[in-house]
């Protein structure tokens, strides 16, 4: 079983791509994004919270991510996992920066990178002038913020030995096809 992370900034297509993969590739189990689940359960968004609220949500997101990864691995031992975001993503949103995030979560970047066999980094459509602020209720970033967030996320993930970057495409179908092609190359 392999664990592939589908990551990237807002409006990069993570959830749409993972949904398409789930429907088209039955040998892959898709683990849903933990952040959206936490924010929807609380009826809030990151930008609506004070510092203590942001930190508390990021702790819950990290713990939910870990629980989901293990639960899906147990439930689907014969399938590869595709994760809609990984545990490193939270470091991009931790108010005091990645080093404080690692300390708070009692982990390191290296430990978190080692959790995953492959990282598929999706570039935000904001880089080509396409941006859907209203396509996700938890989304609050403007296009320039999404691009900056993408740089922070990429800097967190770029040390992974098997990272693949998928550029922004005008067509979501093209991005889905690019990710399918990568996933069809197993084992890698």
N, C-alpha and C. Protein backbone atom coordinates (compact mmCIF):
# COMPACT_ATOMS: atom_id res chain seq x y z
N UNK A 1 0.85 -1.18 0.00
CA UNK A 1 0.00 0.00 0.00
C UNK A 1 0.89 1.24 0.00
N UNK A 2 0.55 2.18 -0.86
CA UNK A 2 1.26 3.45 -0.89
C UNK A 2 0.34 4.55 -0.36
N UNK A 3 0.98 5.58 0.16
CA UNK A 3 0.26 6.77 0.63
C UNK A 3 0.74 7.95 -0.19
N UNK A 4 -0.18 8.47 -1.00
CA UNK A 4 0.11 9.65 -1.81
C UNK A 4 -0.69 10.82 -1.28
N UNK A 5 -0.02 11.95 -1.12
CA UNK A 5 -0.68 13.17 -0.66
C UNK A 5 -0.97 14.04 -1.87
N UNK A 6 -2.19 14.51 -1.94
CA UNK A 6 -2.59 15.50 -2.93
C UNK A 6 -2.67 16.82 -2.17
N UNK A 7 -1.75 17.72 -2.45
CA UNK A 7 -1.70 18.96 -1.69
C UNK A 7 -1.56 20.15 -2.63
N UNK A 8 -1.74 21.30 -2.07
CA UNK A 8 -1.64 22.54 -2.83
C UNK A 8 -2.49 23.60 -2.17
N UNK A 9 -2.35 24.82 -2.65
CA UNK A 9 -3.08 25.93 -2.04
C UNK A 9 -4.55 25.94 -2.44
N UNK A 10 -5.31 26.91 -1.93
CA UNK A 10 -6.71 27.03 -2.32
C UNK A 10 -6.88 27.12 -3.83
N UNK A 11 -7.95 26.53 -4.30
CA UNK A 11 -8.33 26.55 -5.72
C UNK A 11 -7.29 25.86 -6.61
N UNK A 12 -6.68 24.81 -6.07
CA UNK A 12 -5.77 24.03 -6.90
C UNK A 12 -6.44 22.76 -7.40
N UNK A 13 -7.63 22.47 -6.89
CA UNK A 13 -8.40 21.33 -7.39
C UNK A 13 -8.27 20.07 -6.56
N UNK A 14 -7.73 20.16 -5.36
CA UNK A 14 -7.49 18.96 -4.55
C UNK A 14 -8.74 18.12 -4.35
N UNK A 15 -9.80 18.74 -3.90
CA UNK A 15 -11.02 17.98 -3.58
C UNK A 15 -11.70 17.49 -4.85
N UNK A 16 -11.74 18.31 -5.88
CA UNK A 16 -12.35 17.87 -7.15
C UNK A 16 -11.55 16.73 -7.77
N UNK A 17 -10.23 16.84 -7.73
CA UNK A 17 -9.39 15.77 -8.29
C UNK A 17 -9.55 14.50 -7.46
N UNK A 18 -9.51 14.61 -6.15
CA UNK A 18 -9.63 13.40 -5.33
C UNK A 18 -10.99 12.74 -5.50
N UNK A 19 -12.05 13.54 -5.68
CA UNK A 19 -13.38 12.96 -5.94
C UNK A 19 -13.41 12.22 -7.27
N UNK A 20 -12.78 12.78 -8.28
CA UNK A 20 -12.73 12.12 -9.59
C UNK A 20 -11.92 10.83 -9.51
N UNK A 21 -10.83 10.85 -8.76
CA UNK A 21 -10.01 9.65 -8.59
C UNK A 21 -10.82 8.57 -7.87
N UNK A 22 -11.54 8.94 -6.83
CA UNK A 22 -12.34 7.98 -6.08
C UNK A 22 -13.37 7.30 -6.98
N UNK A 23 -13.95 8.06 -7.91
CA UNK A 23 -14.97 7.51 -8.80
C UNK A 23 -14.37 6.65 -9.91
N UNK A 24 -13.14 6.95 -10.33
CA UNK A 24 -12.59 6.29 -11.51
C UNK A 24 -11.54 5.21 -11.21
N UNK A 25 -10.99 5.22 -10.01
CA UNK A 25 -9.88 4.30 -9.71
C UNK A 25 -10.20 3.51 -8.44
N UNK A 26 -10.92 2.40 -8.58
CA UNK A 26 -11.38 1.66 -7.39
C UNK A 26 -10.27 1.04 -6.55
N UNK A 27 -9.06 0.99 -7.06
CA UNK A 27 -7.94 0.44 -6.28
C UNK A 27 -7.32 1.48 -5.35
N UNK A 28 -7.89 2.70 -5.34
CA UNK A 28 -7.40 3.78 -4.50
C UNK A 28 -8.50 4.22 -3.53
N UNK A 29 -8.16 4.31 -2.26
CA UNK A 29 -9.08 4.84 -1.25
C UNK A 29 -8.70 6.29 -0.99
N UNK A 30 -9.67 7.18 -1.09
CA UNK A 30 -9.42 8.61 -0.91
C UNK A 30 -9.76 9.01 0.52
N UNK A 31 -8.79 9.61 1.19
CA UNK A 31 -8.96 10.10 2.55
C UNK A 31 -9.35 11.58 2.45
N UNK A 32 -10.52 11.98 2.98
CA UNK A 32 -10.98 13.36 2.82
C UNK A 32 -10.16 14.37 3.62
N UNK A 33 -10.27 15.61 3.22
CA UNK A 33 -9.54 16.70 3.87
C UNK A 33 -10.05 16.90 5.30
N UNK A 34 -9.15 16.87 6.25
CA UNK A 34 -9.52 17.04 7.67
C UNK A 34 -9.92 18.47 7.98
N UNK A 35 -9.24 19.45 7.40
CA UNK A 35 -9.52 20.85 7.74
C UNK A 35 -10.96 21.23 7.43
N UNK A 36 -11.43 20.87 6.26
CA UNK A 36 -12.81 21.21 5.90
C UNK A 36 -13.79 20.57 6.87
N UNK A 37 -13.52 19.34 7.28
CA UNK A 37 -14.41 18.66 8.22
C UNK A 37 -14.47 19.39 9.56
N UNK A 38 -13.32 19.82 10.05
CA UNK A 38 -13.28 20.53 11.34
C UNK A 38 -14.00 21.86 11.24
N UNK A 39 -13.70 22.63 10.21
CA UNK A 39 -14.34 23.95 10.09
C UNK A 39 -15.84 23.83 9.84
N UNK A 40 -16.27 22.86 9.05
CA UNK A 40 -17.70 22.68 8.82
C UNK A 40 -18.41 22.25 10.10
N UNK A 41 -17.78 21.36 10.87
CA UNK A 41 -18.39 20.90 12.12
C UNK A 41 -18.57 22.06 13.11
N UNK A 42 -17.63 23.00 13.08
CA UNK A 42 -17.69 24.14 13.98
C UNK A 42 -18.46 25.32 13.40
N UNK A 43 -18.82 25.25 12.13
CA UNK A 43 -19.54 26.35 11.49
C UNK A 43 -18.72 27.63 11.43
N UNK A 44 -17.42 27.49 11.19
CA UNK A 44 -16.55 28.66 11.17
C UNK A 44 -15.49 28.52 10.07
N UNK A 45 -14.64 29.51 9.97
CA UNK A 45 -13.49 29.50 9.04
C UNK A 45 -12.27 30.03 9.78
N UNK A 46 -11.10 29.73 9.25
CA UNK A 46 -9.84 30.14 9.86
C UNK A 46 -9.79 31.65 10.08
N UNK A 47 -10.23 32.42 9.08
CA UNK A 47 -10.12 33.88 9.18
C UNK A 47 -11.12 34.48 10.18
N UNK A 48 -12.07 33.69 10.66
CA UNK A 48 -13.05 34.18 11.64
C UNK A 48 -12.62 33.94 13.08
N UNK A 49 -11.48 33.30 13.26
CA UNK A 49 -11.05 32.89 14.59
C UNK A 49 -9.95 33.78 15.14
N UNK A 50 -9.87 33.87 16.47
CA UNK A 50 -8.74 34.54 17.09
C UNK A 50 -7.57 33.55 17.13
N UNK A 51 -6.44 34.00 17.65
CA UNK A 51 -5.22 33.19 17.67
C UNK A 51 -5.43 31.86 18.39
N UNK A 52 -6.05 31.90 19.55
CA UNK A 52 -6.29 30.66 20.31
C UNK A 52 -7.19 29.71 19.53
N UNK A 53 -8.21 30.25 18.86
CA UNK A 53 -9.11 29.42 18.05
C UNK A 53 -8.41 28.80 16.86
N UNK A 54 -7.53 29.55 16.23
CA UNK A 54 -6.78 29.01 15.09
C UNK A 54 -5.87 27.87 15.54
N UNK A 55 -5.18 28.09 16.65
CA UNK A 55 -4.28 27.04 17.15
C UNK A 55 -5.06 25.79 17.54
N UNK A 56 -6.19 25.99 18.21
CA UNK A 56 -7.00 24.84 18.64
C UNK A 56 -7.50 24.06 17.43
N UNK A 57 -7.96 24.75 16.38
CA UNK A 57 -8.44 24.05 15.18
C UNK A 57 -7.30 23.31 14.49
N UNK A 58 -6.12 23.91 14.43
CA UNK A 58 -5.00 23.24 13.77
C UNK A 58 -4.60 21.98 14.53
N UNK A 59 -4.67 21.99 15.86
CA UNK A 59 -4.40 20.78 16.63
C UNK A 59 -5.41 19.69 16.28
N UNK A 60 -6.68 20.07 16.22
CA UNK A 60 -7.73 19.10 15.90
C UNK A 60 -7.59 18.57 14.48
N UNK A 61 -7.23 19.44 13.56
CA UNK A 61 -7.03 19.01 12.16
C UNK A 61 -5.92 17.98 12.09
N UNK A 62 -4.80 18.26 12.74
CA UNK A 62 -3.66 17.34 12.73
C UNK A 62 -4.07 15.98 13.30
N UNK A 63 -4.75 15.98 14.45
CA UNK A 63 -5.16 14.72 15.07
C UNK A 63 -6.17 13.96 14.21
N UNK A 64 -7.13 14.67 13.61
CA UNK A 64 -8.09 14.03 12.72
C UNK A 64 -7.39 13.44 11.51
N UNK A 65 -6.43 14.17 10.96
CA UNK A 65 -5.69 13.66 9.81
C UNK A 65 -5.01 12.33 10.16
N UNK A 66 -4.33 12.29 11.29
CA UNK A 66 -3.65 11.06 11.70
C UNK A 66 -4.65 9.91 11.88
N UNK A 67 -5.76 10.19 12.57
CA UNK A 67 -6.78 9.14 12.80
C UNK A 67 -7.35 8.62 11.49
N UNK A 68 -7.65 9.55 10.58
CA UNK A 68 -8.23 9.13 9.29
C UNK A 68 -7.24 8.29 8.48
N UNK A 69 -5.99 8.70 8.44
CA UNK A 69 -5.00 7.94 7.68
C UNK A 69 -4.92 6.51 8.18
N UNK A 70 -4.86 6.36 9.50
CA UNK A 70 -4.76 5.01 10.07
C UNK A 70 -6.04 4.21 9.87
N UNK A 71 -7.19 4.86 10.04
CA UNK A 71 -8.47 4.17 9.85
C UNK A 71 -8.64 3.69 8.41
N UNK A 72 -8.30 4.54 7.46
CA UNK A 72 -8.43 4.13 6.06
C UNK A 72 -7.43 3.03 5.72
N UNK A 73 -6.23 3.08 6.27
CA UNK A 73 -5.25 2.03 6.02
C UNK A 73 -5.75 0.69 6.56
N UNK A 74 -6.37 0.70 7.74
CA UNK A 74 -6.93 -0.54 8.31
C UNK A 74 -8.12 -1.05 7.50
N UNK A 75 -9.00 -0.12 7.09
CA UNK A 75 -10.21 -0.50 6.36
C UNK A 75 -9.93 -0.96 4.94
N UNK A 76 -8.85 -0.46 4.37
CA UNK A 76 -8.54 -0.74 2.95
C UNK A 76 -7.11 -1.24 2.79
N UNK A 77 -6.77 -2.37 3.40
CA UNK A 77 -5.38 -2.83 3.35
C UNK A 77 -4.90 -3.21 1.95
N UNK A 78 -5.84 -3.46 1.06
CA UNK A 78 -5.49 -3.85 -0.30
C UNK A 78 -5.48 -2.68 -1.28
N UNK A 79 -5.70 -1.45 -0.77
CA UNK A 79 -5.76 -0.29 -1.64
C UNK A 79 -4.65 0.70 -1.30
N UNK A 80 -4.28 1.48 -2.29
CA UNK A 80 -3.39 2.61 -2.04
C UNK A 80 -4.25 3.76 -1.53
N UNK A 81 -3.65 4.63 -0.72
CA UNK A 81 -4.37 5.78 -0.19
C UNK A 81 -3.97 7.04 -0.95
N UNK A 82 -4.98 7.86 -1.22
CA UNK A 82 -4.77 9.21 -1.75
C UNK A 82 -5.36 10.16 -0.73
N UNK A 83 -4.52 11.00 -0.16
CA UNK A 83 -4.95 11.90 0.90
C UNK A 83 -5.17 13.30 0.36
N UNK A 84 -6.35 13.84 0.65
CA UNK A 84 -6.65 15.23 0.32
C UNK A 84 -6.00 16.06 1.42
N UNK A 85 -4.78 16.45 1.20
CA UNK A 85 -3.86 17.14 2.12
C UNK A 85 -3.18 16.13 3.05
N UNK A 86 -2.05 16.55 3.60
CA UNK A 86 -1.30 15.73 4.54
C UNK A 86 -1.00 16.53 5.79
N UNK A 87 -0.33 15.90 6.72
CA UNK A 87 -0.09 16.52 8.02
C UNK A 87 0.81 17.75 7.95
N UNK A 88 1.66 17.86 6.95
CA UNK A 88 2.52 19.05 6.84
C UNK A 88 1.73 20.30 6.50
N UNK A 89 0.58 20.16 5.87
CA UNK A 89 -0.19 21.33 5.44
C UNK A 89 -0.51 22.27 6.59
N UNK A 90 -0.76 21.71 7.77
CA UNK A 90 -1.10 22.53 8.91
C UNK A 90 -0.01 23.52 9.29
N UNK A 91 1.24 23.18 9.01
CA UNK A 91 2.35 24.08 9.35
C UNK A 91 2.27 25.39 8.57
N UNK A 92 1.65 25.37 7.39
CA UNK A 92 1.50 26.59 6.59
C UNK A 92 0.48 27.54 7.21
N UNK A 93 -0.38 27.01 8.06
CA UNK A 93 -1.43 27.82 8.68
C UNK A 93 -1.18 28.09 10.16
N UNK A 94 -0.12 27.52 10.72
CA UNK A 94 0.14 27.73 12.15
C UNK A 94 0.60 29.17 12.34
N UNK A 95 -0.09 29.94 13.18
CA UNK A 95 0.20 31.37 13.30
C UNK A 95 1.66 31.72 13.61
N UNK A 96 2.34 30.89 14.39
CA UNK A 96 3.72 31.19 14.76
C UNK A 96 4.76 30.51 13.87
N UNK A 97 4.32 29.92 12.76
CA UNK A 97 5.26 29.34 11.81
C UNK A 97 5.50 27.86 12.00
N UNK A 98 6.16 27.24 11.01
CA UNK A 98 6.37 25.79 11.02
C UNK A 98 7.13 25.25 12.23
N UNK A 99 8.18 25.93 12.67
CA UNK A 99 8.94 25.39 13.80
C UNK A 99 8.07 25.29 15.05
N UNK A 100 7.24 26.28 15.28
CA UNK A 100 6.32 26.23 16.42
C UNK A 100 5.28 25.13 16.23
N UNK A 101 4.86 24.90 15.00
CA UNK A 101 3.91 23.82 14.69
C UNK A 101 4.52 22.46 15.03
N UNK A 102 5.76 22.22 14.59
CA UNK A 102 6.40 20.92 14.88
C UNK A 102 6.48 20.73 16.39
N UNK A 103 6.88 21.79 17.10
CA UNK A 103 7.00 21.70 18.56
C UNK A 103 5.64 21.38 19.20
N UNK A 104 4.61 22.10 18.78
CA UNK A 104 3.27 21.90 19.35
C UNK A 104 2.73 20.51 19.08
N UNK A 105 2.99 19.98 17.86
CA UNK A 105 2.47 18.66 17.50
C UNK A 105 3.39 17.53 17.94
N UNK A 106 4.53 17.90 18.55
CA UNK A 106 5.51 16.91 19.04
C UNK A 106 6.00 16.02 17.90
N UNK A 107 6.42 16.67 16.82
CA UNK A 107 6.91 15.95 15.66
C UNK A 107 7.97 16.80 14.98
N UNK A 108 8.41 16.35 13.83
CA UNK A 108 9.36 17.12 13.02
C UNK A 108 8.91 17.06 11.57
N UNK A 109 9.44 17.95 10.78
CA UNK A 109 9.14 17.93 9.35
C UNK A 109 9.57 16.59 8.75
N UNK A 110 10.73 16.10 9.16
CA UNK A 110 11.25 14.85 8.61
C UNK A 110 10.34 13.67 8.93
N UNK A 111 9.83 13.62 10.16
CA UNK A 111 8.91 12.54 10.53
C UNK A 111 7.65 12.61 9.67
N UNK A 112 7.12 13.80 9.50
CA UNK A 112 5.89 13.95 8.72
C UNK A 112 6.12 13.65 7.24
N UNK A 113 7.24 14.07 6.69
CA UNK A 113 7.54 13.74 5.28
C UNK A 113 7.62 12.23 5.08
N UNK A 114 8.19 11.54 6.05
CA UNK A 114 8.38 10.09 5.94
C UNK A 114 7.07 9.32 6.00
N UNK A 115 5.99 9.95 6.42
CA UNK A 115 4.69 9.28 6.48
C UNK A 115 4.16 8.93 5.09
N UNK A 116 4.65 9.62 4.08
CA UNK A 116 4.06 9.54 2.75
C UNK A 116 5.07 9.02 1.72
N UNK A 117 4.56 8.22 0.79
CA UNK A 117 5.41 7.67 -0.27
C UNK A 117 5.59 8.64 -1.43
N UNK A 118 4.58 9.47 -1.64
CA UNK A 118 4.63 10.38 -2.78
C UNK A 118 3.80 11.61 -2.44
N UNK A 119 4.23 12.75 -3.01
CA UNK A 119 3.52 14.01 -2.84
C UNK A 119 3.19 14.53 -4.23
N UNK A 120 1.91 14.81 -4.46
CA UNK A 120 1.47 15.41 -5.72
C UNK A 120 1.02 16.82 -5.36
N UNK A 121 1.82 17.78 -5.78
CA UNK A 121 1.57 19.18 -5.46
C UNK A 121 0.85 19.85 -6.63
N UNK A 122 -0.36 20.33 -6.37
CA UNK A 122 -1.17 20.99 -7.38
C UNK A 122 -1.03 22.50 -7.28
N UNK A 123 -0.70 23.13 -8.38
CA UNK A 123 -0.60 24.59 -8.41
C UNK A 123 -2.00 25.20 -8.46
N UNK A 124 -2.19 26.31 -7.77
CA UNK A 124 -3.49 26.97 -7.75
C UNK A 124 -3.84 27.56 -9.12
N UNK A 125 -5.11 27.50 -9.45
CA UNK A 125 -5.59 28.10 -10.69
C UNK A 125 -5.48 29.62 -10.65
N UNK A 126 -5.27 30.19 -9.46
CA UNK A 126 -5.09 31.64 -9.35
C UNK A 126 -3.87 32.11 -10.14
N UNK A 127 -2.89 31.23 -10.34
CA UNK A 127 -1.69 31.61 -11.09
C UNK A 127 -1.99 31.86 -12.57
N UNK A 128 -3.12 31.35 -13.05
CA UNK A 128 -3.50 31.59 -14.46
C UNK A 128 -4.79 32.41 -14.54
N UNK A 129 -5.13 33.08 -13.45
CA UNK A 129 -6.27 34.00 -13.46
C UNK A 129 -7.63 33.37 -13.27
N UNK A 130 -7.66 32.12 -12.82
CA UNK A 130 -8.93 31.44 -12.56
C UNK A 130 -9.00 31.20 -11.05
N UNK A 131 -10.05 31.69 -10.41
CA UNK A 131 -10.14 31.51 -8.97
C UNK A 131 -11.58 31.48 -8.53
N UNK A 132 -11.94 30.44 -7.76
CA UNK A 132 -13.32 30.28 -7.28
C UNK A 132 -13.41 30.47 -5.79
N UNK A 133 -13.50 31.70 -5.34
CA UNK A 133 -13.57 31.99 -3.91
C UNK A 133 -14.79 31.34 -3.28
N UNK A 134 -15.87 31.20 -4.04
CA UNK A 134 -17.10 30.66 -3.47
C UNK A 134 -17.28 29.16 -3.69
N UNK A 135 -16.25 28.46 -4.20
CA UNK A 135 -16.39 27.03 -4.46
C UNK A 135 -16.21 26.16 -3.21
N UNK A 136 -15.76 26.76 -2.10
CA UNK A 136 -15.59 26.03 -0.85
C UNK A 136 -15.91 26.99 0.28
N UNK A 137 -16.87 26.64 1.11
CA UNK A 137 -17.33 27.53 2.18
C UNK A 137 -16.24 27.86 3.19
N UNK A 138 -15.22 26.99 3.30
CA UNK A 138 -14.13 27.23 4.24
C UNK A 138 -13.04 28.12 3.63
N UNK A 139 -13.15 28.42 2.34
CA UNK A 139 -12.11 29.22 1.67
C UNK A 139 -12.32 30.70 1.94
N UNK A 140 -11.24 31.39 2.25
CA UNK A 140 -11.32 32.81 2.53
C UNK A 140 -10.25 33.61 1.79
N UNK A 141 -9.24 32.94 1.26
CA UNK A 141 -8.12 33.63 0.65
C UNK A 141 -8.48 34.27 -0.68
N UNK A 142 -7.92 35.42 -0.94
CA UNK A 142 -8.00 36.06 -2.24
C UNK A 142 -6.95 35.40 -3.14
N UNK A 143 -7.01 35.62 -4.46
CA UNK A 143 -6.06 34.97 -5.36
C UNK A 143 -4.58 35.17 -4.98
N UNK A 144 -4.18 36.39 -4.65
CA UNK A 144 -2.78 36.62 -4.28
C UNK A 144 -2.40 35.84 -3.03
N UNK A 145 -3.34 35.71 -2.09
CA UNK A 145 -3.10 34.93 -0.87
C UNK A 145 -2.94 33.45 -1.20
N UNK A 146 -3.75 32.96 -2.13
CA UNK A 146 -3.65 31.56 -2.54
C UNK A 146 -2.29 31.27 -3.16
N UNK A 147 -1.79 32.19 -3.97
CA UNK A 147 -0.48 32.01 -4.58
C UNK A 147 0.61 32.01 -3.51
N UNK A 148 0.54 32.95 -2.57
CA UNK A 148 1.51 33.00 -1.48
C UNK A 148 1.44 31.74 -0.61
N UNK A 149 0.22 31.26 -0.35
CA UNK A 149 0.04 30.04 0.42
C UNK A 149 0.67 28.86 -0.31
N UNK A 150 0.54 28.85 -1.63
CA UNK A 150 1.16 27.79 -2.43
C UNK A 150 2.67 27.76 -2.26
N UNK A 151 3.28 28.91 -2.19
CA UNK A 151 4.73 28.98 -1.99
C UNK A 151 5.11 28.44 -0.62
N UNK A 152 4.33 28.80 0.41
CA UNK A 152 4.61 28.29 1.75
C UNK A 152 4.46 26.76 1.79
N UNK A 153 3.38 26.27 1.20
CA UNK A 153 3.15 24.82 1.18
C UNK A 153 4.26 24.10 0.42
N UNK A 154 4.62 24.63 -0.73
CA UNK A 154 5.66 23.97 -1.52
C UNK A 154 6.97 23.93 -0.73
N UNK A 155 7.30 25.01 -0.04
CA UNK A 155 8.53 25.02 0.77
C UNK A 155 8.50 23.97 1.86
N UNK A 156 7.33 23.65 2.39
CA UNK A 156 7.22 22.61 3.40
C UNK A 156 7.41 21.21 2.80
N UNK A 157 6.87 21.00 1.61
CA UNK A 157 6.87 19.67 1.00
C UNK A 157 8.06 19.40 0.09
N UNK A 158 8.77 20.41 -0.35
CA UNK A 158 9.77 20.25 -1.42
C UNK A 158 10.91 19.31 -1.08
N UNK A 159 11.15 19.03 0.19
CA UNK A 159 12.23 18.11 0.55
C UNK A 159 11.83 16.64 0.39
N UNK A 160 10.57 16.38 0.08
CA UNK A 160 10.15 14.98 -0.10
C UNK A 160 10.87 14.40 -1.32
N UNK A 161 11.39 13.19 -1.21
CA UNK A 161 12.15 12.61 -2.32
C UNK A 161 11.32 12.25 -3.56
N UNK A 162 10.00 12.21 -3.39
CA UNK A 162 9.15 11.85 -4.52
C UNK A 162 8.00 12.86 -4.64
N UNK A 163 8.36 14.11 -4.92
CA UNK A 163 7.35 15.15 -5.10
C UNK A 163 7.21 15.44 -6.59
N UNK A 164 5.96 15.55 -7.00
CA UNK A 164 5.63 15.84 -8.40
C UNK A 164 4.72 17.05 -8.40
N UNK A 165 5.05 18.03 -9.21
CA UNK A 165 4.23 19.24 -9.30
C UNK A 165 3.38 19.19 -10.56
N UNK A 166 2.11 19.46 -10.39
CA UNK A 166 1.16 19.54 -11.50
C UNK A 166 0.81 21.01 -11.66
N UNK A 167 1.07 21.59 -12.82
CA UNK A 167 0.77 23.01 -13.00
C UNK A 167 -0.74 23.26 -13.08
N UNK A 168 -1.09 24.53 -12.98
CA UNK A 168 -2.49 24.91 -13.17
C UNK A 168 -2.86 24.71 -14.63
N UNK A 169 -4.06 24.23 -14.86
CA UNK A 169 -4.59 24.04 -16.21
C UNK A 169 -5.89 24.84 -16.33
N UNK A 170 -6.20 25.36 -17.50
CA UNK A 170 -7.50 26.00 -17.68
C UNK A 170 -8.65 25.01 -17.50
N UNK A 171 -8.37 23.74 -17.77
CA UNK A 171 -9.39 22.70 -17.69
C UNK A 171 -9.11 21.78 -16.49
N UNK A 172 -10.09 21.64 -15.61
CA UNK A 172 -9.96 20.72 -14.49
C UNK A 172 -9.78 19.29 -14.99
N UNK A 173 -10.41 18.95 -16.10
CA UNK A 173 -10.28 17.60 -16.66
C UNK A 173 -8.83 17.29 -16.99
N UNK A 174 -8.07 18.28 -17.47
CA UNK A 174 -6.66 18.06 -17.77
C UNK A 174 -5.85 17.81 -16.49
N UNK A 175 -6.19 18.50 -15.42
CA UNK A 175 -5.49 18.30 -14.15
C UNK A 175 -5.81 16.90 -13.61
N UNK A 176 -7.06 16.50 -13.70
CA UNK A 176 -7.46 15.16 -13.26
C UNK A 176 -6.71 14.10 -14.05
N UNK A 177 -6.61 14.28 -15.36
CA UNK A 177 -5.90 13.32 -16.20
C UNK A 177 -4.42 13.24 -15.82
N UNK A 178 -3.82 14.37 -15.50
CA UNK A 178 -2.41 14.39 -15.10
C UNK A 178 -2.19 13.61 -13.80
N UNK A 179 -3.09 13.78 -12.85
CA UNK A 179 -2.96 13.06 -11.58
C UNK A 179 -3.22 11.57 -11.79
N UNK A 180 -4.21 11.23 -12.59
CA UNK A 180 -4.47 9.81 -12.89
C UNK A 180 -3.24 9.15 -13.50
N UNK A 181 -2.58 9.84 -14.41
CA UNK A 181 -1.39 9.29 -15.06
C UNK A 181 -0.30 9.00 -14.03
N UNK A 182 -0.15 9.88 -13.07
CA UNK A 182 0.85 9.66 -12.00
C UNK A 182 0.47 8.46 -11.16
N UNK A 183 -0.79 8.39 -10.77
CA UNK A 183 -1.23 7.28 -9.91
C UNK A 183 -1.20 5.94 -10.62
N UNK A 184 -1.34 5.94 -11.94
CA UNK A 184 -1.29 4.71 -12.71
C UNK A 184 0.13 4.18 -12.87
N UNK A 185 1.14 4.94 -12.44
CA UNK A 185 2.53 4.52 -12.57
C UNK A 185 3.02 3.68 -11.39
N UNK A 186 2.12 3.26 -10.53
CA UNK A 186 2.55 2.47 -9.37
C UNK A 186 2.98 1.08 -9.82
N UNK A 187 3.93 0.44 -9.17
CA UNK A 187 4.76 1.05 -8.14
C UNK A 187 5.77 2.00 -8.75
N UNK A 188 6.22 2.93 -7.95
CA UNK A 188 7.16 3.93 -8.45
C UNK A 188 8.54 3.71 -7.86
